[in-house]
Amino acid sequence: MQFADRLKNVETSAIRELFKLLGKPGIISFAGGFPDPALFDAEGIAQASQAVLTHNPGPVLQYGATEGYQPLREGISTFMEGKGSSVRPEGLIVTTGSQQALDLIGKTMISPGDKVIVEAPTFLATIQCFRLYGAHIIGAPIDADGVDVDKLEALIEEHKPKLVYLIPTFGNPSGATLSLARRQRILEIAVRTQTLVVEDDPYGELYFDQAPPPSLLALSDGVPGSRDWLAHCGSFSKILSPGLRVGWLVAPPALLANATMCKQFSDAHTSNLTQAICAHYLTMNRLDATLAVVRRTYAERARVMAESLRRELGDAIAFNQPRGGMFFWARLTGANGKGSHAPDFAKRAIDQGVAFVPGAPFFAHDPDLSTLRLSFATADVAKIEEGIGRLAQAL
């Protein structure tokens, strides 16, 4: 068969390939980016499901509008308002997870050869998605406070990209949180250079102690003209259930219209049934209590992982303590004669019964082979302590 040329630009996800190795009995995995299923509000979702299927089920089992189920669009608008963002229901479309929102941005914005700036490192699936549409991807360096805005500005001036993609809050894989000052400056740069900034925000509600700075979307009302150059991707996957596959896209009207048209070609509309379940769930006033449990649980697991890494690996590993989200981003230092090559370390770790993701796939180019990502979301405290002990044996 003669497949499309665009497939030459992408390859199978290294993370998905790693999952094939996780069938070994007793393995402890820090590899996935999944929420803990034990924390899903299954009871609340069941009640919402029963309600929508009992009361006038016909519309939710029928085809629906590409833009989304109107009660859910209204519910998302209210949810976003609670986070400081003024978004009218007609200013967003519902997508099949935020991953589809990113794909729709790729379809509508990227032509072969267009330049796109992302964080280095960034979400692997975004690199793959944008490459599928022929993007030339450029990495902007980050630190504990998110993307280096001075260097990002210089890259924008040099390359005139079609768009900039950022995960400002508890990034995947970095765990970094963009400072308030940097957020405001990015919006100002977007207006001055007329560059579209795509804000991906699946983790913003997963903070531990203190809420993060407002999203770029929330701040955009205070930076004149910035809403014209900002797209925002949101999702219920990490805070309610990924199985529902419900996300959303907020974007300027012309981009939103074209994204809606492309979504018609893709899936006609996101499942009306799951949209209705989400919409009803939002009216049940259970989400805040669910999030409180999730935040408390993840905060404890992140604390234990940090303590275990320091105790078991010491100077051989360096990392920044995340303030939320699901990930540690770490670097092997090579101290005390220990190795600093994460791909080799990952193979030895599998032999010891523990898995993580080497950092290289998260770079669009020039990967740092000493880096790795560890997720604390799905392992309980005892498994975290045991797993980090196994990592020390592997190193």
Protein backbone atom coordinates (compact mmCIF):
# COMPACT_ATOMS: atom_id res chain seq x y z
CA MET A 1 0.00 0.00 0.00
CA GLN A 2 1.08 3.57 -0.66
CA PHE A 3 0.40 5.50 2.52
CA ALA A 4 0.15 9.27 2.81
CA ASP A 5 3.45 11.12 2.80
CA ARG A 6 2.51 12.84 6.05
CA LEU A 7 2.99 9.58 7.93
CA LYS A 8 6.70 9.83 7.24
CA ASN A 9 6.84 12.71 9.72
CA VAL A 10 5.64 10.72 12.74
CA GLU A 11 6.32 7.49 14.57
CA THR A 12 4.59 5.40 17.22
CA SER A 13 4.52 6.94 20.68
CA ALA A 14 7.48 5.82 22.76
CA ILE A 15 5.19 5.82 25.79
CA ARG A 16 2.64 3.54 24.16
CA GLU A 17 5.45 1.21 23.16
CA LEU A 18 6.71 1.18 26.74
CA PHE A 19 3.29 0.04 27.94
CA LYS A 20 3.82 -3.21 26.07
CA LEU A 21 6.56 -4.02 28.59
CA LEU A 22 4.38 -3.46 31.61
CA GLY A 23 2.68 -6.86 31.62
CA LYS A 24 5.45 -8.24 33.78
CA PRO A 25 3.90 -9.39 37.11
CA GLY A 26 4.55 -7.11 40.07
CA ILE A 27 5.86 -4.17 38.07
CA ILE A 28 5.40 -0.72 39.58
CA SER A 29 4.70 1.91 36.94
CA PHE A 30 5.54 5.59 37.13
CA ALA A 31 5.26 5.71 33.33
CA GLY A 32 1.66 6.58 32.56
CA GLY A 33 -0.02 9.95 32.51
CA PHE A 34 -3.30 8.52 33.75
CA PRO A 35 -5.39 9.70 36.71
CA ASP A 36 -5.97 7.19 39.49
CA PRO A 37 -9.23 5.32 38.73
CA ALA A 38 -9.77 4.81 42.46
CA LEU A 39 -10.39 8.57 42.68
CA PHE A 40 -13.09 8.72 40.01
CA ASP A 41 -16.48 9.74 41.39
CA ALA A 42 -18.11 6.62 39.96
CA GLU A 43 -21.17 7.04 42.18
CA GLY A 44 -21.78 10.58 40.99
CA ILE A 45 -21.20 9.68 37.35
CA ALA A 46 -23.62 6.75 37.72
CA GLN A 47 -26.27 9.06 39.16
CA ALA A 48 -25.75 11.53 36.33
CA SER A 49 -25.95 8.73 33.77
CA GLN A 50 -29.18 7.41 35.24
CA ALA A 51 -30.70 10.86 35.30
CA VAL A 52 -30.02 11.68 31.66
CA LEU A 53 -31.24 8.27 30.50
CA THR A 54 -34.40 8.45 32.61
CA HIS A 55 -35.52 11.97 31.79
CA ASN A 56 -36.14 12.51 28.05
CA PRO A 57 -33.36 10.18 26.82
CA GLY A 58 -34.14 10.61 23.12
CA PRO A 59 -32.07 13.76 22.48
CA VAL A 60 -28.96 12.49 24.29
CA LEU A 61 -29.04 9.22 22.33
CA GLN A 62 -29.51 11.05 19.02
CA TYR A 63 -27.13 12.90 16.71
CA GLY A 64 -26.29 16.37 17.98
CA ALA A 65 -24.74 19.70 17.08
CA THR A 66 -21.08 19.71 16.07
CA GLU A 67 -20.47 22.67 18.38
CA GLY A 68 -21.58 20.59 21.36
CA TYR A 69 -24.53 19.80 23.61
CA GLN A 70 -25.87 23.21 24.60
CA PRO A 71 -26.40 22.48 28.33
CA LEU A 72 -22.77 21.34 28.53
CA ARG A 73 -21.49 24.41 26.69
CA GLU A 74 -23.36 26.48 29.26
CA GLY A 75 -21.97 24.34 32.08
CA ILE A 76 -18.41 24.74 30.82
CA SER A 77 -18.96 28.50 30.53
CA THR A 78 -20.01 28.60 34.19
CA PHE A 79 -17.11 26.33 35.19
CA MET A 80 -14.63 28.60 33.39
CA GLU A 81 -16.19 31.66 35.00
CA GLY A 82 -15.41 30.11 38.37
CA LYS A 83 -11.76 30.04 37.28
CA GLY A 84 -11.79 33.72 36.35
CA SER A 85 -12.37 33.30 32.60
CA SER A 86 -15.22 35.06 30.83
CA VAL A 87 -16.30 32.66 28.08
CA ARG A 88 -19.77 32.66 26.56
CA PRO A 89 -21.21 29.28 25.52
CA GLU A 90 -21.02 30.24 21.85
CA GLY A 91 -17.33 31.08 22.33
CA LEU A 92 -16.37 27.42 22.76
CA ILE A 93 -16.92 24.06 21.12
CA VAL A 94 -16.99 20.69 22.86
CA THR A 95 -14.32 18.27 21.64
CA THR A 96 -13.61 14.58 22.08
CA GLY A 97 -11.00 15.22 24.73
CA SER A 98 -8.59 18.14 24.55
CA GLN A 99 -6.47 15.99 22.25
CA GLN A 100 -9.06 16.56 19.52
CA ALA A 101 -8.89 20.29 20.20
CA LEU A 102 -5.16 20.18 19.48
CA ASP A 103 -5.76 18.13 16.36
CA LEU A 104 -8.35 20.63 15.14
CA ILE A 105 -5.86 23.46 15.69
CA GLY A 106 -3.32 21.49 13.65
CA LYS A 107 -5.82 20.93 10.85
CA THR A 108 -6.96 24.52 10.70
CA MET A 109 -3.68 26.35 11.25
CA ILE A 110 -0.70 24.30 10.06
CA SER A 111 0.44 23.90 6.47
CA PRO A 112 3.49 21.82 5.53
CA GLY A 113 6.64 23.74 6.45
CA ASP A 114 4.96 26.12 8.89
CA LYS A 115 6.98 26.82 12.01
CA VAL A 116 5.53 26.06 15.43
CA ILE A 117 7.19 26.84 18.76
CA VAL A 118 6.67 24.49 21.71
CA GLU A 119 8.28 24.13 25.10
CA ALA A 120 11.36 21.92 25.33
CA PRO A 121 10.25 19.49 26.69
CA THR A 122 6.53 19.31 25.92
CA PHE A 123 3.60 16.91 25.57
CA LEU A 124 4.67 14.14 23.21
CA ALA A 125 1.29 13.78 21.50
CA THR A 126 1.35 17.45 20.50
CA ILE A 127 4.71 17.03 18.79
CA GLN A 128 3.33 14.04 16.91
CA CYS A 129 0.07 15.77 16.03
CA PHE A 130 1.66 18.93 14.66
CA ARG A 131 4.29 16.98 12.77
CA LEU A 132 1.51 15.00 11.09
CA TYR A 133 0.40 18.27 9.48
CA GLY A 134 3.94 19.07 8.36
CA ALA A 135 5.01 21.53 11.03
CA HIS A 136 8.64 22.42 11.55
CA ILE A 137 8.78 22.38 15.35
CA ILE A 138 11.12 24.61 17.34
CA GLY A 139 11.75 24.10 21.06
CA ALA A 140 11.88 26.96 23.57
CA PRO A 141 13.80 26.21 26.79
CA ILE A 142 12.03 26.11 30.15
CA ASP A 143 12.95 26.28 33.83
CA ALA A 144 11.03 25.81 37.08
CA ASP A 145 8.92 28.90 36.26
CA GLY A 146 7.93 27.66 32.82
CA VAL A 147 9.08 28.77 29.41
CA ASP A 148 11.97 31.26 29.26
CA VAL A 149 10.06 34.26 27.91
CA ASP A 150 13.15 36.17 26.79
CA LYS A 151 14.23 33.25 24.61
CA LEU A 152 10.66 32.61 23.47
CA GLU A 153 10.34 36.22 22.35
CA ALA A 154 13.62 35.97 20.46
CA LEU A 155 12.48 32.77 18.74
CA ILE A 156 9.18 34.39 17.74
CA GLU A 157 11.03 37.37 16.27
CA GLU A 158 13.43 35.09 14.40
CA HIS A 159 11.05 32.44 13.07
CA LYS A 160 7.66 34.18 12.78
CA PRO A 161 5.84 30.96 13.79
CA LYS A 162 2.29 30.09 12.85
CA LEU A 163 1.59 29.44 16.53
CA VAL A 164 3.14 28.89 19.97
CA TYR A 165 1.96 25.94 22.07
CA LEU A 166 2.32 26.10 25.87
CA ILE A 167 1.22 24.13 28.95
CA PRO A 168 1.57 26.97 31.48
CA THR A 169 0.26 25.14 34.55
CA PHE A 170 1.84 21.93 35.91
CA GLY A 171 3.25 21.03 32.50
CA ASN A 172 3.51 17.57 31.01
CA PRO A 173 6.24 16.39 31.33
CA SER A 174 7.97 19.27 33.12
CA GLY A 175 5.62 19.81 36.08
CA ALA A 176 6.59 23.49 35.75
CA THR A 177 4.22 26.39 36.39
CA LEU A 178 4.57 29.60 34.42
CA SER A 179 4.89 32.61 36.71
CA LEU A 180 2.26 35.36 36.66
CA ALA A 181 4.69 37.93 35.27
CA ARG A 182 5.67 35.61 32.43
CA ARG A 183 2.02 34.90 31.62
CA GLN A 184 1.22 38.57 31.29
CA ARG A 185 4.27 39.18 29.15
CA ILE A 186 3.42 36.30 26.81
CA LEU A 187 0.00 37.83 26.14
CA GLU A 188 1.64 41.17 25.41
CA ILE A 189 4.10 39.50 23.01
CA ALA A 190 1.24 37.69 21.26
CA VAL A 191 -0.52 40.99 20.60
CA ARG A 192 2.61 42.82 19.50
CA THR A 193 3.80 40.08 17.15
CA GLN A 194 0.30 38.90 16.15
CA THR A 195 1.19 35.32 17.03
CA LEU A 196 -1.41 32.75 18.04
CA VAL A 197 -0.72 31.27 21.48
CA VAL A 198 -2.34 27.92 22.28
CA GLU A 199 -2.80 27.32 26.01
CA ASP A 200 -3.29 23.67 26.96
CA ASP A 201 -4.73 23.44 30.47
CA PRO A 202 -5.67 19.88 31.48
CA TYR A 203 -3.96 20.01 34.89
CA GLY A 204 -4.76 23.47 36.27
CA GLU A 205 -7.27 22.21 38.84
CA LEU A 206 -4.81 19.67 40.27
CA TYR A 207 -2.98 22.07 42.58
CA PHE A 208 -1.74 20.95 45.99
CA ASP A 209 -1.62 23.84 48.47
CA GLN A 210 -2.05 27.13 46.69
CA ALA A 211 -3.97 27.74 43.48
CA PRO A 212 -1.71 28.54 40.50
CA PRO A 213 -1.71 31.91 38.75
CA PRO A 214 -4.76 32.58 36.58
CA SER A 215 -4.74 30.97 33.15
CA LEU A 216 -3.72 32.96 30.10
CA LEU A 217 -7.40 32.93 29.17
CA ALA A 218 -8.39 34.47 32.51
CA LEU A 219 -5.64 37.09 32.21
CA SER A 220 -6.48 37.96 28.61
CA ASP A 221 -9.31 40.30 29.64
CA GLY A 222 -6.66 42.56 31.16
CA VAL A 223 -4.42 42.64 28.06
CA PRO A 224 -6.20 44.46 25.23
CA GLY A 225 -6.26 42.52 21.98
CA SER A 226 -4.84 39.31 23.43
CA ARG A 227 -8.08 37.32 23.14
CA ASP A 228 -7.72 37.69 19.35
CA TRP A 229 -4.46 35.73 19.52
CA LEU A 230 -5.28 33.10 22.13
CA ALA A 231 -6.73 29.60 21.95
CA HIS A 232 -7.45 27.61 25.11
CA CYS A 233 -7.85 23.83 25.38
CA GLY A 234 -9.60 22.37 28.43
CA SER A 235 -10.60 18.89 29.52
CA PHE A 236 -12.52 16.89 32.11
CA SER A 237 -10.20 13.91 31.62
CA LYS A 238 -7.90 14.57 34.58
CA ILE A 239 -10.53 15.94 36.97
CA LEU A 240 -13.60 13.79 36.25
CA SER A 241 -12.95 10.85 33.90
CA PRO A 242 -10.85 10.36 30.76
CA GLY A 243 -13.28 7.65 29.61
CA LEU A 244 -15.98 10.27 29.02
CA ARG A 245 -13.72 11.88 26.38
CA VAL A 246 -14.98 15.40 26.90
CA GLY A 247 -12.85 18.48 26.33
CA TRP A 248 -13.35 21.93 24.84
CA LEU A 249 -11.75 24.59 22.71
CA VAL A 250 -12.02 28.32 23.26
CA ALA A 251 -10.71 30.34 20.32
CA PRO A 252 -11.21 33.49 18.25
CA PRO A 253 -14.39 33.28 16.13
CA ALA A 254 -12.73 32.56 12.77
CA LEU A 255 -10.57 29.78 14.20
CA LEU A 256 -13.53 28.33 16.10
CA ALA A 257 -15.66 28.30 12.94
CA ASN A 258 -12.99 26.49 10.94
CA ALA A 259 -12.36 24.04 13.77
CA THR A 260 -16.09 23.29 13.90
CA MET A 261 -16.11 22.64 10.17
CA CYS A 262 -13.16 20.25 10.46
CA LYS A 263 -14.80 18.50 13.41
CA GLN A 264 -17.82 17.82 11.20
CA PHE A 265 -15.50 15.85 8.91
CA SER A 266 -13.90 14.04 11.86
CA ASP A 267 -16.63 12.71 14.11
CA ALA A 268 -19.74 14.85 13.42
CA HIS A 269 -19.94 15.60 17.15
CA THR A 270 -18.64 14.40 20.50
CA SER A 271 -20.89 11.74 22.08
CA ASN A 272 -24.14 13.38 23.11
CA LEU A 273 -24.51 10.85 25.90
CA THR A 274 -21.20 11.60 27.59
CA GLN A 275 -21.72 15.32 27.09
CA ALA A 276 -25.10 15.08 28.80
CA ILE A 277 -23.59 13.08 31.67
CA CYS A 278 -20.94 15.76 32.17
CA ALA A 279 -23.52 18.54 31.95
CA HIS A 280 -25.74 16.92 34.56
CA TYR A 281 -22.76 16.10 36.80
CA LEU A 282 -21.79 19.78 36.84
CA THR A 283 -25.24 20.61 38.24
CA MET A 284 -24.86 18.10 41.10
CA ASN A 285 -22.29 20.16 43.03
CA ARG A 286 -20.01 17.16 43.53
CA LEU A 287 -16.97 18.29 41.55
CA ASP A 288 -15.47 20.49 44.27
CA ALA A 289 -15.55 17.65 46.79
CA THR A 290 -14.09 15.23 44.25
CA LEU A 291 -11.28 17.65 43.42
CA ALA A 292 -10.49 18.17 47.10
CA VAL A 293 -9.85 14.44 47.49
CA VAL A 294 -7.78 14.28 44.31
CA ARG A 295 -5.65 17.28 45.30
CA ARG A 296 -5.02 15.93 48.79
CA THR A 297 -4.11 12.47 47.47
CA TYR A 298 -1.79 13.69 44.73
CA ALA A 299 -0.12 16.18 47.07
CA GLU A 300 0.71 13.39 49.52
CA ARG A 301 2.03 11.13 46.75
CA ALA A 302 4.18 13.93 45.31
CA ARG A 303 5.61 14.65 48.77
CA VAL A 304 6.48 10.99 49.32
CA MET A 305 8.03 10.67 45.86
CA ALA A 306 10.24 13.70 46.47
CA GLU A 307 11.37 12.41 49.86
CA SER A 308 12.03 8.94 48.45
CA LEU A 309 14.04 10.28 45.52
CA ARG A 310 16.22 12.36 47.82
CA ARG A 311 16.69 9.50 50.26
CA GLU A 312 17.30 6.69 47.75
CA LEU A 313 19.07 8.44 44.85
CA GLY A 314 20.55 11.48 46.56
CA ASP A 315 22.81 13.64 44.42
CA ALA A 316 22.46 11.23 41.47
CA ILE A 317 19.14 12.86 40.54
CA ALA A 318 17.97 16.47 40.35
CA PHE A 319 14.38 17.70 40.11
CA ASN A 320 12.06 20.57 40.95
CA GLN A 321 9.24 19.92 43.41
CA PRO A 322 5.94 20.22 41.49
CA ARG A 323 3.17 22.33 43.02
CA GLY A 324 0.45 20.37 41.28
CA GLY A 325 -0.31 18.12 38.36
CA MET A 326 0.85 14.54 37.99
CA PHE A 327 4.56 14.54 37.13
CA PHE A 328 8.13 14.92 38.27
CA TRP A 329 10.65 15.94 35.63
CA ALA A 330 14.09 14.77 36.70
CA ARG A 331 17.68 14.69 35.43
CA LEU A 332 20.35 12.11 36.15
CA THR A 333 23.45 14.01 37.25
CA GLY A 334 26.02 11.22 37.03
CA ALA A 335 27.13 12.03 40.59
CA ASN A 336 28.94 9.41 42.64
CA GLY A 337 29.77 7.41 39.56
CA LYS A 338 26.11 6.73 38.78
CA GLY A 339 24.88 6.66 35.20
CA SER A 340 23.35 9.64 33.45
CA HIS A 341 21.84 7.96 30.37
CA ALA A 342 18.09 7.71 31.01
CA PRO A 343 17.22 5.26 28.17
CA ASP A 344 19.69 2.70 29.53
CA PHE A 345 18.47 3.40 33.06
CA ALA A 346 14.90 2.70 31.93
CA LYS A 347 15.87 -0.75 30.66
CA ARG A 348 17.61 -1.62 33.92
CA ALA A 349 14.62 -0.31 35.85
CA ILE A 350 12.26 -2.65 33.99
CA ASP A 351 14.51 -5.53 35.05
CA GLN A 352 14.10 -4.35 38.65
CA GLY A 353 10.33 -4.22 38.27
CA VAL A 354 9.72 -0.49 37.92
CA ALA A 355 8.94 1.67 34.87
CA PHE A 356 9.27 5.32 33.93
CA VAL A 357 9.50 7.26 30.68
CA PRO A 358 12.90 8.52 29.47
CA GLY A 359 12.78 12.20 28.64
CA ALA A 360 14.07 12.14 25.05
CA PRO A 361 10.68 11.70 23.28
CA PHE A 362 9.39 14.90 24.87
CA PHE A 363 11.86 17.02 22.90
CA ALA A 364 11.08 18.03 19.33
CA HIS A 365 14.84 18.09 18.63
CA ASP A 366 18.15 17.91 20.51
CA PRO A 367 16.86 15.67 23.32
CA ASP A 368 18.45 15.69 26.74
CA LEU A 369 19.24 12.01 27.28
CA SER A 370 19.77 12.47 31.01
CA THR A 371 16.12 13.38 31.65
CA LEU A 372 13.13 11.30 32.69
CA ARG A 373 9.47 11.68 33.67
CA LEU A 374 7.96 10.07 36.76
CA SER A 375 4.21 10.07 37.41
CA PHE A 376 3.00 9.77 41.00
CA ALA A 377 -0.72 9.75 40.13
CA THR A 378 -1.58 6.05 40.03
CA ALA A 379 0.75 4.51 42.63
CA ASP A 380 -0.13 4.67 46.30
CA VAL A 381 2.39 5.79 48.91
CA ALA A 382 3.69 2.29 49.65
CA LYS A 383 4.19 1.55 45.95
CA ILE A 384 5.97 4.86 45.45
CA GLU A 385 8.43 4.14 48.24
CA GLU A 386 9.04 0.60 46.99
CA GLY A 387 9.32 1.72 43.37
CA ILE A 388 11.87 4.45 44.11
CA GLY A 389 13.86 1.90 46.10
CA ARG A 390 13.91 -0.32 43.02
CA LEU A 391 15.06 2.66 40.92
CA ALA A 392 18.00 3.10 43.27
CA GLN A 393 18.94 -0.53 42.71
CA ALA A 394 18.72 -0.05 38.93
CA LEU A 395 20.86 3.07 38.90
